[in-house]
Amino acid sequence: MARRLCRNCRAPLEEEQETCPACHTHNPIPKPWYVPLVGGAIVALLAWLLIDFGDVARVLGLD
């Protein structure tokens, strides 16, 4: 298991520990860079599958 260090006092933290036991500083667990990218791709795919673009064009008068 990889250990992290506290941002404030450099005490070792366990892998899933967010609060330092020594100084009680909040140390959020960093998210991988691809998490927002995958979330955006899922939202875009769902919008593409669920939106009827013909109706949107008709409402906007682009027909």
C-alpha atoms as a PDB file:
ATOM      1  CA  MET A   1       0.000   0.000   0.000  1.00  0.00           C
ATOM      2  CA  ALA A   2       1.312   3.390  -0.947  1.00  0.00           C
ATOM      3  CA  ARG A   3       1.531   5.943   1.824  1.00  0.00           C
ATOM      4  CA  ARG A   4       0.951   9.647   1.490  1.00  0.00           C
ATOM      5  CA  LEU A   5       2.314  12.466   3.618  1.00  0.00           C
ATOM      6  CA  CYS A   6       0.328  15.203   5.361  1.00  0.00           C
ATOM      7  CA  ARG A   7       0.477  18.579   3.598  1.00  0.00           C
ATOM      8  CA  ASN A   8       0.989  20.385   6.893  1.00  0.00           C
ATOM      9  CA  CYS A   9       3.224  18.283   9.166  1.00  0.00           C
ATOM     10  CA  ARG A  10       4.504  15.602   6.715  1.00  0.00           C
ATOM     11  CA  ALA A  11       3.249  12.770   8.964  1.00  0.00           C
ATOM     12  CA  PRO A  12       2.499   9.505   7.104  1.00  0.00           C
ATOM     13  CA  LEU A  13      -1.147   8.888   6.159  1.00  0.00           C
ATOM     14  CA  GLU A  14      -2.788   5.626   5.234  1.00  0.00           C
ATOM     15  CA  GLU A  15      -4.058   5.220   1.671  1.00  0.00           C
ATOM     16  CA  GLU A  16      -7.726   6.057   2.430  1.00  0.00           C
ATOM     17  CA  GLN A  17      -7.144   8.445   5.350  1.00  0.00           C
ATOM     18  CA  GLU A  18      -8.210  12.049   4.712  1.00  0.00           C
ATOM     19  CA  THR A  19      -7.516  13.618   8.119  1.00  0.00           C
ATOM     20  CA  CYS A  20      -4.042  13.670   9.633  1.00  0.00           C
ATOM     21  CA  PRO A  21      -3.980  11.976  13.063  1.00  0.00           C
ATOM     22  CA  ALA A  22      -1.143  14.258  14.231  1.00  0.00           C
ATOM     23  CA  CYS A  23      -2.321  17.773  13.258  1.00  0.00           C
ATOM     24  CA  HIS A  24      -5.952  17.101  12.123  1.00  0.00           C
ATOM     25  CA  THR A  25      -5.398  18.789   8.740  1.00  0.00           C
ATOM     26  CA  HIS A  26      -7.782  17.769   5.939  1.00  0.00           C
ATOM     27  CA  ASN A  27      -5.831  16.036   3.142  1.00  0.00           C
ATOM     28  CA  PRO A  28      -8.226  15.167   0.296  1.00  0.00           C
ATOM     29  CA  ILE A  29      -7.436  12.083  -1.755  1.00  0.00           C
ATOM     30  CA  PRO A  30      -6.446  13.231  -5.283  1.00  0.00           C
ATOM     31  CA  LYS A  31      -8.587  12.003  -8.163  1.00  0.00           C
ATOM     32  CA  PRO A  32      -6.950  10.684 -11.338  1.00  0.00           C
ATOM     33  CA  TRP A  33      -6.820  13.121 -14.286  1.00  0.00           C
ATOM     34  CA  TYR A  34      -9.207  11.010 -16.369  1.00  0.00           C
ATOM     35  CA  VAL A  35     -12.198  11.099 -13.973  1.00  0.00           C
ATOM     36  CA  PRO A  36     -13.648  14.426 -15.316  1.00  0.00           C
ATOM     37  CA  LEU A  37     -12.911  13.321 -18.900  1.00  0.00           C
ATOM     38  CA  VAL A  38     -14.817  10.038 -18.510  1.00  0.00           C
ATOM     39  CA  GLY A  39     -17.707  11.801 -16.738  1.00  0.00           C
ATOM     40  CA  GLY A  40     -17.997  14.363 -19.530  1.00  0.00           C
ATOM     41  CA  ALA A  41     -17.924  11.627 -22.166  1.00  0.00           C
ATOM     42  CA  ILE A  42     -20.734   9.750 -20.401  1.00  0.00           C
ATOM     43  CA  VAL A  43     -22.881  12.905 -20.169  1.00  0.00           C
ATOM     44  CA  ALA A  44     -22.268  13.711 -23.853  1.00  0.00           C
ATOM     45  CA  LEU A  45     -23.133  10.144 -24.904  1.00  0.00           C
ATOM     46  CA  LEU A  46     -26.356  10.160 -22.888  1.00  0.00           C
ATOM     47  CA  ALA A  47     -27.358  13.539 -24.351  1.00  0.00           C
ATOM     48  CA  TRP A  48     -26.661  12.285 -27.877  1.00  0.00           C
ATOM     49  CA  LEU A  49     -28.742   9.156 -27.282  1.00  0.00           C
ATOM     50  CA  LEU A  50     -31.673  10.759 -25.450  1.00  0.00           C
ATOM     51  CA  ILE A  51     -32.219  14.098 -27.232  1.00  0.00           C
ATOM     52  CA  ASP A  52     -34.338  14.160 -30.378  1.00  0.00           C
ATOM     53  CA  PHE A  53     -32.485  16.774 -32.403  1.00  0.00           C
ATOM     54  CA  GLY A  54     -35.250  16.950 -35.016  1.00  0.00           C
ATOM     55  CA  ASP A  55     -37.654  18.300 -32.422  1.00  0.00           C
ATOM     56  CA  VAL A  56     -35.038  20.734 -31.140  1.00  0.00           C
ATOM     57  CA  ALA A  57     -34.512  22.052 -34.668  1.00  0.00           C
ATOM     58  CA  ARG A  58     -38.267  22.466 -35.141  1.00  0.00           C
ATOM     59  CA  VAL A  59     -38.624  24.397 -31.872  1.00  0.00           C
ATOM     60  CA  LEU A  60     -35.734  26.681 -32.806  1.00  0.00           C
ATOM     61  CA  GLY A  61     -37.174  27.245 -36.279  1.00  0.00           C
ATOM     62  CA  LEU A  62     -34.208  25.706 -38.079  1.00  0.00           C
ATOM     63  CA  ASP A  63     -36.363  23.234 -39.995  1.00  0.00           C
END
